[in-house]
């Protein structure tokens, strides 16, 4: 499911939502379903590795490893 940027004209809020193509999203602030889909910004070329490293470091600090490949998981000695 892709992440889309939306703008609500009723409450003038802009936000991102992870939605499937068949879903009809609504504004998290006011519940309005008439949203304007905005073009999302893409990651700058060459910066993706840095974003990934930062996200993985934060995940490790928080104690979850769901975004790591099995070969990258820390090994726990029994």
PDB file of N, CA and C in Angstrom:
ATOM      1  N   UNK A   1       0.847  -1.179   0.000  1.00  0.00           N
ATOM      2  CA  UNK A   1       0.000   0.000   0.000  1.00  0.00           C
ATOM      3  C   UNK A   1       0.894   1.244   0.000  1.00  0.00           C
ATOM      4  N   UNK A   2       0.635   2.162  -0.893  1.00  0.00           N
ATOM      5  CA  UNK A   2       1.448   3.374  -0.964  1.00  0.00           C
ATOM      6  C   UNK A   2       1.011   4.438   0.051  1.00  0.00           C
ATOM      7  N   UNK A   3       1.926   5.331   0.344  1.00  0.00           N
ATOM      8  CA  UNK A   3       1.637   6.476   1.205  1.00  0.00           C
ATOM      9  C   UNK A   3       1.283   7.642   0.301  1.00  0.00           C
ATOM     10  N   UNK A   4       0.167   8.292   0.588  1.00  0.00           N
ATOM     11  CA  UNK A   4      -0.275   9.451  -0.184  1.00  0.00           C
ATOM     12  C   UNK A   4      -0.382  10.670   0.728  1.00  0.00           C
ATOM     13  N   UNK A   5      -0.153  11.835   0.158  1.00  0.00           N
ATOM     14  CA  UNK A   5      -0.400  13.095   0.849  1.00  0.00           C
ATOM     15  C   UNK A   5      -1.799  13.550   0.489  1.00  0.00           C
ATOM     16  N   UNK A   6      -2.538  14.030   1.477  1.00  0.00           N
ATOM     17  CA  UNK A   6      -3.888  14.523   1.267  1.00  0.00           C
ATOM     18  C   UNK A   6      -4.033  15.899   1.897  1.00  0.00           C
ATOM     19  N   UNK A   7      -4.960  16.672   1.345  1.00  0.00           N
ATOM     20  CA  UNK A   7      -5.300  17.979   1.904  1.00  0.00           C
ATOM     21  C   UNK A   7      -6.809  18.030   2.104  1.00  0.00           C
ATOM     22  N   UNK A   8      -7.226  18.408   3.301  1.00  0.00           N
ATOM     23  CA  UNK A   8      -8.644  18.550   3.613  1.00  0.00           C
ATOM     24  C   UNK A   8      -9.014  20.024   3.485  1.00  0.00           C
ATOM     25  N   UNK A   9      -9.948  20.307   2.590  1.00  0.00           N
ATOM     26  CA  UNK A   9     -10.358  21.700   2.379  1.00  0.00           C
ATOM     27  C   UNK A   9     -11.255  22.200   3.506  1.00  0.00           C
ATOM     28  N   UNK A  10     -11.905  21.291   4.217  1.00  0.00           N
ATOM     29  CA  UNK A  10     -12.822  21.690   5.280  1.00  0.00           C
ATOM     30  C   UNK A  10     -12.064  22.235   6.497  1.00  0.00           C
ATOM     31  N   UNK A  11     -11.002  21.540   6.923  1.00  0.00           N
ATOM     32  CA  UNK A  11     -10.256  22.005   8.102  1.00  0.00           C
ATOM     33  C   UNK A  11      -8.864  22.522   7.735  1.00  0.00           C
ATOM     34  N   UNK A  12      -8.519  22.511   6.438  1.00  0.00           N
ATOM     35  CA  UNK A  12      -7.261  23.049   5.920  1.00  0.00           C
ATOM     36  C   UNK A  12      -6.031  22.342   6.491  1.00  0.00           C
ATOM     37  N   UNK A  13      -6.113  21.017   6.693  1.00  0.00           N
ATOM     38  CA  UNK A  13      -4.983  20.228   7.184  1.00  0.00           C
ATOM     39  C   UNK A  13      -4.385  19.418   6.035  1.00  0.00           C
ATOM     40  N   UNK A  14      -3.076  19.239   6.054  1.00  0.00           N
ATOM     41  CA  UNK A  14      -2.375  18.388   5.107  1.00  0.00           C
ATOM     42  C   UNK A  14      -1.731  17.262   5.896  1.00  0.00           C
ATOM     43  N   UNK A  15      -1.855  16.016   5.398  1.00  0.00           N
ATOM     44  CA  UNK A  15      -1.364  14.868   6.138  1.00  0.00           C
ATOM     45  C   UNK A  15      -1.065  13.729   5.179  1.00  0.00           C
ATOM     46  N   UNK A  16      -0.328  12.727   5.673  1.00  0.00           N
ATOM     47  CA  UNK A  16       0.001  11.530   4.903  1.00  0.00           C
ATOM     48  C   UNK A  16      -0.829  10.368   5.417  1.00  0.00           C
ATOM     49  N   UNK A  17      -1.265   9.500   4.508  1.00  0.00           N
ATOM     50  CA  UNK A  17      -1.992   8.302   4.887  1.00  0.00           C
ATOM     51  C   UNK A  17      -1.495   7.126   4.069  1.00  0.00           C
ATOM     52  N   UNK A  18      -1.430   5.971   4.703  1.00  0.00           N
ATOM     53  CA  UNK A  18      -1.116   4.722   4.032  1.00  0.00           C
ATOM     54  C   UNK A  18      -2.441   4.076   3.684  1.00  0.00           C
ATOM     55  N   UNK A  19      -2.802   4.107   2.395  1.00  0.00           N
ATOM     56  CA  UNK A  19      -4.115   3.620   1.978  1.00  0.00           C
ATOM     57  C   UNK A  19      -3.991   2.684   0.787  1.00  0.00           C
ATOM     58  N   UNK A  20      -4.912   1.729   0.703  1.00  0.00           N
ATOM     59  CA  UNK A  20      -4.970   0.875  -0.484  1.00  0.00           C
ATOM     60  C   UNK A  20      -5.703   1.640  -1.583  1.00  0.00           C
ATOM     61  N   UNK A  21      -5.581   1.151  -2.788  1.00  0.00           N
ATOM     62  CA  UNK A  21      -6.177   1.862  -3.918  1.00  0.00           C
ATOM     63  C   UNK A  21      -7.698   1.891  -3.855  1.00  0.00           C
ATOM     64  N   UNK A  22      -8.305   0.874  -3.249  1.00  0.00           N
ATOM     65  CA  UNK A  22      -9.766   0.813  -3.194  1.00  0.00           C
ATOM     66  C   UNK A  22     -10.346   1.527  -1.968  1.00  0.00           C
ATOM     67  N   UNK A  23      -9.509   1.947  -1.035  1.00  0.00           N
ATOM     68  CA  UNK A  23      -9.998   2.590   0.192  1.00  0.00           C
ATOM     69  C   UNK A  23     -10.408   4.036  -0.070  1.00  0.00           C
ATOM     70  N   UNK A  24     -11.398   4.496   0.681  1.00  0.00           N
ATOM     71  CA  UNK A  24     -11.814   5.893   0.636  1.00  0.00           C
ATOM     72  C   UNK A  24     -11.390   6.523   1.963  1.00  0.00           C
ATOM     73  N   UNK A  25     -10.273   7.282   1.962  1.00  0.00           N
ATOM     74  CA  UNK A  25      -9.777   7.845   3.220  1.00  0.00           C
ATOM     75  C   UNK A  25     -10.619   9.017   3.692  1.00  0.00           C
ATOM     76  N   UNK A  26     -10.514   9.292   4.980  1.00  0.00           N
ATOM     77  CA  UNK A  26     -11.173  10.460   5.553  1.00  0.00           C
ATOM     78  C   UNK A  26     -10.159  11.218   6.389  1.00  0.00           C
ATOM     79  N   UNK A  27     -10.430  12.466   6.618  1.00  0.00           N
ATOM     80  CA  UNK A  27      -9.533  13.341   7.370  1.00  0.00           C
ATOM     81  C   UNK A  27      -9.465  12.881   8.831  1.00  0.00           C
ATOM     82  N   UNK A  28      -8.262  12.724   9.387  1.00  0.00           N
ATOM     83  CA  UNK A  28      -8.157  12.321  10.789  1.00  0.00           C
ATOM     84  C   UNK A  28      -8.593  13.422  11.762  1.00  0.00           C
ATOM     85  N   UNK A  29      -8.632  14.668  11.316  1.00  0.00           N
ATOM     86  CA  UNK A  29      -9.035  15.774  12.184  1.00  0.00           C
ATOM     87  C   UNK A  29     -10.552  15.943  12.252  1.00  0.00           C
ATOM     88  N   UNK A  30     -11.191  16.032  11.068  1.00  0.00           N
ATOM     89  CA  UNK A  30     -12.621  16.367  11.045  1.00  0.00           C
ATOM     90  C   UNK A  30     -13.503  15.256  10.479  1.00  0.00           C
ATOM     91  N   UNK A  31     -12.901  14.212   9.878  1.00  0.00           N
ATOM     92  CA  UNK A  31     -13.677  13.105   9.341  1.00  0.00           C
ATOM     93  C   UNK A  31     -14.217  13.326   7.937  1.00  0.00           C
ATOM     94  N   UNK A  32     -13.885  14.434   7.306  1.00  0.00           N
ATOM     95  CA  UNK A  32     -14.349  14.750   5.957  1.00  0.00           C
ATOM     96  C   UNK A  32     -13.775  13.746   4.954  1.00  0.00           C
ATOM     97  N   UNK A  33     -14.609  13.213   4.079  1.00  0.00           N
ATOM     98  CA  UNK A  33     -14.158  12.234   3.088  1.00  0.00           C
ATOM     99  C   UNK A  33     -13.815  12.881   1.746  1.00  0.00           C
ATOM    100  N   UNK A  34     -14.114  14.150   1.559  1.00  0.00           N
ATOM    101  CA  UNK A  34     -13.789  14.841   0.305  1.00  0.00           C
ATOM    102  C   UNK A  34     -12.388  15.439   0.431  1.00  0.00           C
ATOM    103  N   UNK A  35     -11.368  14.623   0.123  1.00  0.00           N
ATOM    104  CA  UNK A  35      -9.979  15.042   0.260  1.00  0.00           C
ATOM    105  C   UNK A  35      -9.349  15.254  -1.103  1.00  0.00           C
ATOM    106  N   UNK A  36      -8.366  16.121  -1.138  1.00  0.00           N
ATOM    107  CA  UNK A  36      -7.608  16.370  -2.358  1.00  0.00           C
ATOM    108  C   UNK A  36      -6.289  15.604  -2.253  1.00  0.00           C
ATOM    109  N   UNK A  37      -6.018  14.725  -3.228  1.00  0.00           N
ATOM    110  CA  UNK A  37      -4.772  13.955  -3.217  1.00  0.00           C
ATOM    111  C   UNK A  37      -3.666  14.844  -3.774  1.00  0.00           C
ATOM    112  N   UNK A  38      -2.561  14.940  -3.051  1.00  0.00           N
ATOM    113  CA  UNK A  38      -1.429  15.765  -3.445  1.00  0.00           C
ATOM    114  C   UNK A  38      -0.288  14.893  -3.929  1.00  0.00           C
ATOM    115  N   UNK A  39       0.567  15.424  -4.802  1.00  0.00           N
ATOM    116  CA  UNK A  39       1.742  14.646  -5.205  1.00  0.00           C
ATOM    117  C   UNK A  39       2.696  14.517  -4.018  1.00  0.00           C
ATOM    118  N   UNK A  40       3.172  13.306  -3.771  1.00  0.00           N
ATOM    119  CA  UNK A  40       4.094  13.063  -2.662  1.00  0.00           C
ATOM    120  C   UNK A  40       5.523  13.334  -3.111  1.00  0.00           C
ATOM    121  N   UNK A  41       6.327  13.792  -2.178  1.00  0.00           N
ATOM    122  CA  UNK A  41       7.740  14.003  -2.465  1.00  0.00           C
ATOM    123  C   UNK A  41       8.462  12.666  -2.426  1.00  0.00           C
ATOM    124  N   UNK A  42       9.406  12.494  -3.301  1.00  0.00           N
ATOM    125  CA  UNK A  42      10.197  11.274  -3.304  1.00  0.00           C
ATOM    126  C   UNK A  42      11.490  11.519  -2.547  1.00  0.00           C
ATOM    127  N   UNK A  43      12.140  10.448  -2.135  1.00  0.00           N
ATOM    128  CA  UNK A  43      13.418  10.575  -1.438  1.00  0.00           C
ATOM    129  C   UNK A  43      14.472  11.078  -2.418  1.00  0.00           C
ATOM    130  N   UNK A  44      15.315  12.024  -1.992  1.00  0.00           N
ATOM    131  CA  UNK A  44      16.364  12.515  -2.879  1.00  0.00           C
ATOM    132  C   UNK A  44      17.313  11.388  -3.265  1.00  0.00           C
ATOM    133  N   UNK A  45      17.760  11.398  -4.502  1.00  0.00           N
ATOM    134  CA  UNK A  45      18.644  10.349  -4.987  1.00  0.00           C
ATOM    135  C   UNK A  45      19.929  10.344  -4.172  1.00  0.00           C
ATOM    136  N   UNK A  46      20.349   9.163  -3.757  1.00  0.00           N
ATOM    137  CA  UNK A  46      21.578   9.029  -2.991  1.00  0.00           C
ATOM    138  C   UNK A  46      21.398   9.188  -1.500  1.00  0.00           C
ATOM    139  N   UNK A  47      20.234   9.566  -1.037  1.00  0.00           N
ATOM    140  CA  UNK A  47      19.990   9.783   0.387  1.00  0.00           C
ATOM    141  C   UNK A  47      19.233   8.624   1.025  1.00  0.00           C
ATOM    142  N   UNK A  48      18.743   7.682   0.233  1.00  0.00           N
ATOM    143  CA  UNK A  48      17.918   6.604   0.750  1.00  0.00           C
ATOM    144  C   UNK A  48      18.676   5.751   1.767  1.00  0.00           C
ATOM    145  N   UNK A  49      19.941   5.469   1.513  1.00  0.00           N
ATOM    146  CA  UNK A  49      20.734   4.646   2.438  1.00  0.00           C
ATOM    147  C   UNK A  49      20.839   5.320   3.804  1.00  0.00           C
ATOM    148  N   UNK A  50      20.988   6.619   3.829  1.00  0.00           N
ATOM    149  CA  UNK A  50      21.059   7.356   5.091  1.00  0.00           C
ATOM    150  C   UNK A  50      19.745   7.313   5.848  1.00  0.00           C
ATOM    151  N   UNK A  51      18.626   7.461   5.126  1.00  0.00           N
ATOM    152  CA  UNK A  51      17.315   7.372   5.766  1.00  0.00           C
ATOM    153  C   UNK A  51      17.092   5.984   6.342  1.00  0.00           C
ATOM    154  N   UNK A  52      17.501   4.955   5.603  1.00  0.00           N
ATOM    155  CA  UNK A  52      17.333   3.579   6.044  1.00  0.00           C
ATOM    156  C   UNK A  52      18.175   3.310   7.290  1.00  0.00           C
ATOM    157  N   UNK A  53      19.407   3.764   7.292  1.00  0.00           N
ATOM    158  CA  UNK A  53      20.276   3.572   8.459  1.00  0.00           C
ATOM    159  C   UNK A  53      19.706   4.270   9.683  1.00  0.00           C
ATOM    160  N   UNK A  54      19.172   5.477   9.507  1.00  0.00           N
ATOM    161  CA  UNK A  54      18.581   6.214  10.623  1.00  0.00           C
ATOM    162  C   UNK A  54      17.339   5.495  11.162  1.00  0.00           C
ATOM    163  N   UNK A  55      16.495   4.981  10.257  1.00  0.00           N
ATOM    164  CA  UNK A  55      15.290   4.269  10.681  1.00  0.00           C
ATOM    165  C   UNK A  55      15.645   2.973  11.403  1.00  0.00           C
ATOM    166  N   UNK A  56      16.657   2.273  10.908  1.00  0.00           N
ATOM    167  CA  UNK A  56      17.070   1.035  11.559  1.00  0.00           C
ATOM    168  C   UNK A  56      17.669   1.301  12.937  1.00  0.00           C
ATOM    169  N   UNK A  57      18.432   2.365  13.077  1.00  0.00           N
ATOM    170  CA  UNK A  57      19.006   2.710  14.379  1.00  0.00           C
ATOM    171  C   UNK A  57      17.899   3.040  15.374  1.00  0.00           C
ATOM    172  N   UNK A  58      16.888   3.777  14.929  1.00  0.00           N
ATOM    173  CA  UNK A  58      15.771   4.108  15.811  1.00  0.00           C
ATOM    174  C   UNK A  58      15.002   2.846  16.198  1.00  0.00           C
ATOM    175  N   UNK A  59      14.785   1.937  15.244  1.00  0.00           N
ATOM    176  CA  UNK A  59      14.091   0.678  15.536  1.00  0.00           C
ATOM    177  C   UNK A  59      14.871  -0.144  16.552  1.00  0.00           C
ATOM    178  N   UNK A  60      16.179  -0.172  16.418  1.00  0.00           N
ATOM    179  CA  UNK A  60      17.003  -0.924  17.359  1.00  0.00           C
ATOM    180  C   UNK A  60      16.932  -0.303  18.758  1.00  0.00           C
ATOM    181  N   UNK A  61      16.923   1.038  18.835  1.00  0.00           N
ATOM    182  CA  UNK A  61      16.805   1.703  20.137  1.00  0.00           C
ATOM    183  C   UNK A  61      15.465   1.401  20.791  1.00  0.00           C
ATOM    184  N   UNK A  62      14.419   1.299  19.961  1.00  0.00           N
ATOM    185  CA  UNK A  62      13.077   1.038  20.488  1.00  0.00           C
ATOM    186  C   UNK A  62      12.828  -0.445  20.742  1.00  0.00           C
ATOM    187  N   UNK A  63      13.740  -1.314  20.300  1.00  0.00           N
ATOM    188  CA  UNK A  63      13.644  -2.725  20.610  1.00  0.00           C
ATOM    189  C   UNK A  63      12.874  -3.572  19.620  1.00  0.00           C
ATOM    190  N   UNK A  64      12.561  -3.040  18.443  1.00  0.00           N
ATOM    191  CA  UNK A  64      11.913  -3.881  17.441  1.00  0.00           C
ATOM    192  C   UNK A  64      12.777  -3.928  16.188  1.00  0.00           C
ATOM    193  N   UNK A  65      12.761  -5.076  15.549  1.00  0.00           N
ATOM    194  CA  UNK A  65      13.642  -5.312  14.416  1.00  0.00           C
ATOM    195  C   UNK A  65      12.859  -5.729  13.184  1.00  0.00           C
ATOM    196  N   UNK A  66      11.634  -5.259  13.028  1.00  0.00           N
ATOM    197  CA  UNK A  66      10.781  -5.685  11.929  1.00  0.00           C
ATOM    198  C   UNK A  66      11.286  -5.208  10.563  1.00  0.00           C
ATOM    199  N   UNK A  67      12.098  -4.164  10.520  1.00  0.00           N
ATOM    200  CA  UNK A  67      12.560  -3.668   9.232  1.00  0.00           C
ATOM    201  C   UNK A  67      13.964  -4.168   8.879  1.00  0.00           C
ATOM    202  N   UNK A  68      14.460  -5.192   9.595  1.00  0.00           N
ATOM    203  CA  UNK A  68      15.750  -5.779   9.311  1.00  0.00           C
ATOM    204  C   UNK A  68      15.575  -7.072   8.532  1.00  0.00           C
ATOM    205  N   UNK A  69      16.516  -7.376   7.660  1.00  0.00           N
ATOM    206  CA  UNK A  69      16.542  -8.665   6.981  1.00  0.00           C
ATOM    207  C   UNK A  69      16.973  -9.727   7.994  1.00  0.00           C
ATOM    208  N   UNK A  70      16.587 -10.982   7.832  1.00  0.00           N
ATOM    209  CA  UNK A  70      16.976 -12.010   8.795  1.00  0.00           C
ATOM    210  C   UNK A  70      18.477 -12.091   9.023  1.00  0.00           C
ATOM    211  N   UNK A  71      19.267 -11.844   7.987  1.00  0.00           N
ATOM    212  CA  UNK A  71      20.722 -11.892   8.143  1.00  0.00           C
ATOM    213  C   UNK A  71      21.264 -10.715   8.945  1.00  0.00           C
ATOM    214  N   UNK A  72      20.480  -9.657   9.106  1.00  0.00           N
ATOM    215  CA  UNK A  72      20.923  -8.469   9.832  1.00  0.00           C
ATOM    216  C   UNK A  72      20.471  -8.439  11.282  1.00  0.00           C
ATOM    217  N   UNK A  73      19.627  -9.373  11.683  1.00  0.00           N
ATOM    218  CA  UNK A  73      19.144  -9.391  13.052  1.00  0.00           C
ATOM    219  C   UNK A  73      20.263  -9.715  14.019  1.00  0.00           C
ATOM    220  N   UNK A  74      20.236  -9.111  15.203  1.00  0.00           N
ATOM    221  CA  UNK A  74      21.266  -9.448  16.191  1.00  0.00           C
ATOM    222  C   UNK A  74      21.099 -10.892  16.644  1.00  0.00           C
ATOM    223  N   UNK A  75      22.209 -11.541  16.827  1.00  0.00           N
ATOM    224  CA  UNK A  75      22.170 -12.948  17.262  1.00  0.00           C
ATOM    225  C   UNK A  75      22.173 -13.004  18.776  1.00  0.00           C
ATOM    226  N   UNK A  76      21.225 -13.745  19.302  1.00  0.00           N
ATOM    227  CA  UNK A  76      21.097 -13.905  20.740  1.00  0.00           C
ATOM    228  C   UNK A  76      21.717 -15.240  21.124  1.00  0.00           C
ATOM    229  N   UNK A  77      22.700 -15.196  22.017  1.00  0.00           N
ATOM    230  CA  UNK A  77      23.367 -16.419  22.447  1.00  0.00           C
ATOM    231  C   UNK A  77      22.539 -17.070  23.554  1.00  0.00           C
ATOM    232  N   UNK A  78      22.332 -18.373  23.449  1.00  0.00           N
ATOM    233  CA  UNK A  78      21.560 -19.086  24.461  1.00  0.00           C
ATOM    234  C   UNK A  78      22.435 -19.622  25.553  1.00  0.00           C
TER     235      UNK A  78
END
